[in-house]
Amino acid sequence: MAQKLLQRYKDNDRMNHWFMAIMFFMAALSGLAFFHPSLFFFTNLFGGGQWTRILHPFMGVLMVLSFLGMFLRLWKDNVVTEADHEWRKHAGKMIHGDKSNMPPVGKYNFGQKVIFWVMAGSLTVLLLTGFIFWRPWFAPYFSIDFMRFAVLLHAVSAVVLILATIVHVYAAIWVKGTVRAMTRGTVTESWAKLNHPLWHKEVTKGQ
């Protein structure tokens, strides 16, 4: 008997997610090309060094705008509550395979919420610092020392964002059935009951 499916994400949410993922991938590769000389070969993907320098900030802005659309829809679901702190206390056992004592969670658990806010913070820093040394548009308004500091913050924030994304992808693969939510928009009812029981109760009206 086929399991009942519940809608986790609408089509426009999934399209926005994958557009943001593509922009992240392209912005990351083009940014890494300038991070260290050994990675400069990535510029070949974008038509050479000059085109990579031109395209990188535009791809970054598109990524931020895409995330902004998601942020406005999901930030309320990612507010950390007292229940999340209780979930955090049992997270270690869950990582080792014991989910028996995990408190019930809503649409997102504490780990997912942390990743959400880390991404929001790092993208904000990337956007602000990127504008500071974006030539030829804004860089002339800032001193060279200020731009150097902005470049350092930009690089640190980029590393944080890349690490957060790796954790995000790994967790989605680790929790079987999660990837389906962003490829098909639905999850099985058993997945919802096991991983997000409060959300399951909400969308099924307690049935």
Protein backbone atom coordinates (compact mmCIF):
# COMPACT_ATOMS: atom_id res chain seq x y z
CA MET A 1 0.00 0.00 0.00
CA ALA A 2 1.42 3.37 -1.06
CA GLN A 3 2.15 5.82 1.73
CA LYS A 4 0.24 9.06 1.97
CA LEU A 5 2.29 12.04 0.77
CA LEU A 6 2.32 15.46 2.40
CA GLN A 7 3.33 18.66 0.62
CA ARG A 8 6.48 20.05 2.19
CA TYR A 9 7.31 22.76 -0.36
CA LYS A 10 5.43 24.42 -3.19
CA ASP A 11 6.80 24.50 -6.74
CA ASN A 12 7.92 28.13 -6.53
CA ASP A 13 9.77 27.41 -3.26
CA ARG A 14 11.66 24.54 -4.87
CA MET A 15 12.47 26.51 -8.02
CA ASN A 16 13.81 29.36 -5.88
CA HIS A 17 15.86 26.91 -3.80
CA TRP A 18 17.52 25.34 -6.85
CA PHE A 19 18.14 28.72 -8.47
CA MET A 20 19.86 29.84 -5.27
CA ALA A 21 21.87 26.60 -5.22
CA ILE A 22 23.08 27.19 -8.78
CA MET A 23 24.02 30.79 -7.99
CA PHE A 24 25.83 29.65 -4.84
CA PHE A 25 27.79 27.04 -6.80
CA MET A 26 28.81 29.54 -9.49
CA ALA A 27 29.60 32.33 -7.03
CA ALA A 28 31.63 29.94 -4.89
CA LEU A 29 33.72 28.65 -7.79
CA SER A 30 34.31 32.13 -9.21
CA GLY A 31 35.20 33.43 -5.75
CA LEU A 32 37.57 30.56 -5.02
CA ALA A 33 39.36 31.38 -8.28
CA PHE A 34 40.58 34.60 -6.64
CA PHE A 35 41.04 33.11 -3.18
CA HIS A 36 44.33 31.41 -4.03
CA PRO A 37 46.49 31.22 -7.20
CA SER A 38 46.20 27.42 -7.25
CA LEU A 39 42.45 27.80 -7.80
CA PHE A 40 42.68 30.36 -10.59
CA PHE A 41 41.91 27.65 -13.15
CA PHE A 42 38.24 27.96 -12.13
CA THR A 43 38.16 31.16 -14.19
CA ASN A 44 38.13 28.96 -17.30
CA LEU A 45 34.53 28.10 -16.43
CA PHE A 46 33.49 31.73 -16.81
CA GLY A 47 35.47 32.87 -19.84
CA GLY A 48 38.73 33.88 -18.19
CA GLY A 49 39.88 36.07 -15.31
CA GLN A 50 38.32 39.33 -16.48
CA TRP A 51 34.89 37.84 -17.08
CA THR A 52 35.05 35.97 -13.77
CA ARG A 53 35.76 39.23 -11.94
CA ILE A 54 32.83 40.91 -13.71
CA LEU A 55 30.32 38.08 -13.23
CA HIS A 56 31.13 37.07 -9.64
CA PRO A 57 29.41 39.99 -7.86
CA PHE A 58 26.31 39.76 -10.04
CA MET A 59 25.95 36.06 -9.29
CA GLY A 60 26.43 36.86 -5.60
CA VAL A 61 23.69 39.50 -5.66
CA LEU A 62 21.30 37.09 -7.41
CA MET A 63 22.05 34.48 -4.76
CA VAL A 64 21.31 36.94 -1.96
CA LEU A 65 18.06 38.09 -3.58
CA SER A 66 16.99 34.48 -3.97
CA PHE A 67 17.76 33.78 -0.32
CA LEU A 68 15.90 36.95 0.67
CA GLY A 69 12.75 35.58 -0.95
CA MET A 70 13.15 32.37 1.03
CA PHE A 71 14.00 34.27 4.22
CA LEU A 72 10.81 36.32 4.11
CA ARG A 73 8.73 33.15 3.80
CA LEU A 74 10.52 31.01 6.35
CA TRP A 75 12.05 33.19 9.08
CA LYS A 76 9.10 32.73 11.45
CA ASP A 77 9.44 28.96 11.18
CA ASN A 78 13.11 29.29 12.12
CA VAL A 79 12.76 31.31 15.33
CA VAL A 80 14.57 29.40 18.09
CA THR A 81 12.32 28.41 21.00
CA GLU A 82 12.77 26.78 24.42
CA ALA A 83 11.80 23.46 22.86
CA ASP A 84 14.75 23.80 20.48
CA HIS A 85 17.19 24.07 23.38
CA GLU A 86 15.77 20.84 24.77
CA TRP A 87 16.26 19.23 21.34
CA ARG A 88 19.87 20.43 21.33
CA LYS A 89 20.57 18.66 24.63
CA HIS A 90 19.67 15.32 23.04
CA ALA A 91 21.32 15.96 19.67
CA GLY A 92 24.44 14.00 20.56
CA LYS A 93 22.49 10.77 21.07
CA MET A 94 20.60 11.35 17.84
CA ILE A 95 23.86 11.66 15.91
CA HIS A 96 24.79 8.23 17.25
CA GLY A 97 21.50 6.77 16.03
CA ASP A 98 19.31 7.02 19.14
CA LYS A 99 16.20 9.11 18.40
CA SER A 100 14.07 7.64 21.19
CA ASN A 101 14.37 10.64 23.52
CA MET A 102 14.26 13.43 20.94
CA PRO A 103 11.62 16.07 21.75
CA PRO A 104 8.98 16.57 19.02
CA VAL A 105 9.75 19.42 16.62
CA GLY A 106 7.81 21.51 14.16
CA LYS A 107 8.70 22.24 10.57
CA TYR A 108 12.41 22.67 11.39
CA ASN A 109 14.61 21.34 14.17
CA PHE A 110 17.28 23.28 16.06
CA GLY A 111 20.08 22.18 13.72
CA GLN A 112 18.19 23.34 10.65
CA LYS A 113 17.41 26.65 12.31
CA VAL A 114 21.07 27.24 13.15
CA ILE A 115 22.08 26.60 9.55
CA PHE A 116 19.34 28.98 8.37
CA TRP A 117 20.56 31.85 10.57
CA VAL A 118 24.24 31.17 9.85
CA MET A 119 23.46 31.40 6.13
CA ALA A 120 21.46 34.59 6.65
CA GLY A 121 24.31 36.18 8.61
CA SER A 122 27.11 35.14 6.27
CA LEU A 123 25.17 36.26 3.19
CA THR A 124 24.51 39.65 4.79
CA VAL A 125 28.22 40.13 5.46
CA LEU A 126 29.11 38.93 1.96
CA LEU A 127 26.69 41.40 0.41
CA LEU A 128 27.84 44.41 2.44
CA THR A 129 31.55 43.73 2.13
CA GLY A 130 31.22 42.84 -1.54
CA PHE A 131 29.79 46.25 -2.33
CA ILE A 132 32.74 47.93 -0.62
CA PHE A 133 35.33 46.60 -3.08
CA TRP A 134 33.10 46.16 -6.14
CA ARG A 135 35.00 47.89 -8.92
CA PRO A 136 34.37 50.20 -10.63
CA TRP A 137 31.05 51.01 -8.99
CA PHE A 138 31.60 51.44 -5.25
CA ALA A 139 35.28 50.84 -4.46
CA PRO A 140 36.36 54.47 -5.20
CA TYR A 141 34.31 55.65 -2.19
CA PHE A 142 36.38 53.66 0.32
CA SER A 143 39.99 53.75 1.48
CA ILE A 144 42.37 50.95 0.56
CA ASP A 145 42.71 49.85 4.21
CA PHE A 146 38.96 49.68 4.62
CA MET A 147 38.67 47.63 1.43
CA ARG A 148 41.38 45.23 2.64
CA PHE A 149 39.46 44.67 5.86
CA ALA A 150 36.27 44.13 3.82
CA VAL A 151 38.06 41.56 1.64
CA LEU A 152 39.14 39.66 4.78
CA LEU A 153 35.60 39.63 6.19
CA HIS A 154 34.28 38.62 2.78
CA ALA A 155 36.61 35.63 2.62
CA VAL A 156 35.82 34.50 6.18
CA SER A 157 32.08 34.78 5.55
CA ALA A 158 32.43 32.83 2.30
CA VAL A 159 34.19 29.99 4.12
CA VAL A 160 31.44 29.97 6.78
CA LEU A 161 28.75 29.85 4.09
CA ILE A 162 30.48 27.01 2.23
CA LEU A 163 30.86 24.97 5.44
CA ALA A 164 27.21 25.61 6.38
CA THR A 165 26.12 24.49 2.92
CA ILE A 166 28.18 21.30 3.21
CA VAL A 167 26.49 20.52 6.55
CA HIS A 168 23.09 21.33 5.02
CA VAL A 169 23.62 18.97 2.08
CA TYR A 170 25.09 16.21 4.26
CA ALA A 171 22.16 16.37 6.69
CA ALA A 172 19.66 16.24 3.82
CA ILE A 173 21.32 13.09 2.50
CA TRP A 174 21.81 11.57 5.97
CA VAL A 175 18.12 11.82 6.91
CA LYS A 176 16.56 9.44 4.39
CA GLY A 177 13.58 10.91 2.56
CA THR A 178 14.60 14.56 3.04
CA VAL A 179 15.96 15.16 -0.48
CA ARG A 180 12.56 14.20 -1.87
CA ALA A 181 11.12 17.37 -0.30
CA MET A 182 13.21 19.57 -2.58
CA THR A 183 13.02 17.40 -5.69
CA ARG A 184 9.34 16.48 -5.64
CA GLY A 185 7.95 18.84 -3.02
CA THR A 186 6.45 16.04 -0.94
CA VAL A 187 7.45 13.75 1.93
CA THR A 188 5.90 10.53 3.18
CA GLU A 189 3.63 10.68 6.20
CA SER A 190 5.91 8.28 8.08
CA TRP A 191 8.87 10.64 7.45
CA ALA A 192 6.88 13.57 8.82
CA LYS A 193 5.76 11.63 11.91
CA LEU A 194 9.31 10.49 12.65
CA ASN A 195 11.25 13.69 11.98
CA HIS A 196 8.77 16.55 12.40
CA PRO A 197 5.78 15.26 14.40
CA LEU A 198 4.46 18.70 15.39
CA TRP A 199 4.54 19.82 11.75
CA HIS A 200 2.79 16.58 10.77
CA LYS A 201 0.07 17.28 13.32
CA GLU A 202 -0.29 20.83 12.00
CA VAL A 203 -0.65 19.93 8.32
CA THR A 204 -2.94 16.97 8.98
CA LYS A 205 -5.02 18.87 11.55
CA GLY A 206 -4.22 16.23 14.11
CA GLN A 207 -5.72 13.39 12.09
